[in-house]
Protein backbone atom coordinates (compact mmCIF):
# COMPACT_ATOMS: atom_id res chain seq x y z
CA SER A 1 0.97 -85.87 -13.98
CA SER A 2 -1.72 -85.39 -16.69
CA ALA A 3 -3.23 -82.10 -17.42
CA SER A 4 -6.90 -81.48 -16.44
CA PRO A 5 -9.34 -82.03 -19.29
CA ARG A 6 -10.53 -78.81 -20.92
CA LEU A 7 -13.77 -78.13 -22.74
CA LYS A 8 -14.11 -75.09 -24.98
CA LEU A 9 -17.61 -74.00 -25.60
CA PRO A 10 -18.73 -71.14 -27.84
CA LYS A 11 -19.99 -68.17 -25.79
CA ALA A 12 -23.15 -68.07 -27.96
CA LEU A 13 -24.16 -71.44 -26.29
CA VAL A 14 -22.81 -70.82 -22.79
CA TRP A 15 -24.47 -67.45 -22.06
CA PRO A 16 -28.01 -68.51 -22.72
CA ALA A 17 -27.37 -71.83 -20.85
CA ILE A 18 -26.05 -69.83 -17.85
CA TYR A 19 -29.01 -67.50 -17.92
CA THR A 20 -31.47 -70.52 -17.99
CA LEU A 21 -29.51 -72.16 -15.12
CA GLU A 22 -29.79 -69.06 -13.05
CA ALA A 23 -33.58 -68.74 -13.79
CA GLY A 24 -34.22 -72.42 -13.08
CA PHE A 25 -32.26 -72.47 -9.72
CA GLY A 26 -33.97 -69.27 -8.88
CA VAL A 27 -37.44 -70.94 -9.28
CA ILE A 28 -36.49 -73.70 -6.86
CA GLY A 29 -34.76 -71.34 -4.38
CA ARG A 30 -31.27 -72.69 -4.86
CA LYS A 31 -27.94 -71.08 -5.73
CA PRO A 32 -26.81 -72.14 -9.25
CA PRO A 33 -23.18 -73.60 -9.57
CA PHE A 34 -22.39 -71.04 -12.21
CA THR A 35 -23.68 -67.56 -12.71
CA ARG A 36 -23.20 -64.81 -15.43
CA ARG A 37 -20.97 -63.06 -12.90
CA SER A 38 -18.70 -66.06 -12.25
CA MET A 39 -18.50 -66.67 -16.01
CA LYS A 40 -17.39 -63.05 -16.52
CA PHE A 41 -14.88 -63.34 -13.72
CA PHE A 42 -13.32 -66.72 -15.08
CA THR A 43 -13.36 -65.81 -18.82
CA GLY A 44 -12.21 -62.27 -18.50
CA ASN A 45 -8.98 -60.62 -17.70
CA THR A 46 -8.73 -60.78 -13.99
CA ALA A 47 -5.13 -59.71 -13.49
CA PHE A 48 -4.62 -57.14 -10.75
CA LYS A 49 -1.58 -54.93 -9.98
CA THR A 50 -0.54 -54.61 -6.39
CA ASP A 51 2.02 -51.79 -6.89
CA LYS A 52 -0.30 -49.20 -5.19
CA ALA A 53 -1.05 -51.38 -2.24
CA ALA A 54 2.69 -52.02 -1.84
CA ASN A 55 3.70 -48.49 -2.15
CA ILE A 56 1.06 -46.92 -0.03
CA LEU A 57 0.25 -49.63 2.44
CA GLY A 58 3.48 -51.60 2.53
CA TYR A 59 1.46 -54.67 1.20
CA ARG A 60 3.64 -57.73 0.55
CA ALA A 61 2.21 -61.12 -0.68
CA THR A 62 2.55 -63.82 1.95
CA VAL A 63 2.20 -66.74 -0.66
CA ASP A 64 3.21 -67.16 -4.27
CA LEU A 65 0.64 -67.54 -7.14
CA ALA A 66 0.71 -71.34 -7.15
CA GLU A 67 0.11 -71.52 -3.44
CA GLY A 68 -2.74 -68.91 -3.75
CA ILE A 69 -4.29 -70.87 -6.52
CA ARG A 70 -4.11 -74.16 -4.54
CA ARG A 71 -5.59 -72.41 -1.40
CA THR A 72 -8.46 -70.98 -3.38
CA TYR A 73 -9.16 -74.38 -5.02
CA ASP A 74 -9.30 -76.05 -1.66
CA TRP A 75 -11.46 -73.36 -0.11
CA MET A 76 -13.94 -73.48 -3.20
CA LYS A 77 -14.06 -77.29 -2.98
CA ALA A 78 -14.67 -77.29 0.77
CA LYS A 79 -17.64 -74.68 0.39
CA GLY A 80 -19.07 -76.86 -2.44
CA SER A 81 -18.43 -74.45 -5.28
CA LEU A 82 -16.56 -77.08 -7.18
């Protein structure tokens, strides 16, 4: 299978565009497809350790990373976020 296309844009262009998008969608009373918060999440380090939850609460993952990503993608697509 072929890889998904990737588009790399400089942050200096993206952040003002996101800000403008948020403002424009706010004026018309709609939720923007991307926000500064979502961009920070997707472009930042979002790795989390589960050691403490495992040790204290007995947490064990029920799905592996690939399945979790697939489920998240399906959920976001179903709710119209993608």
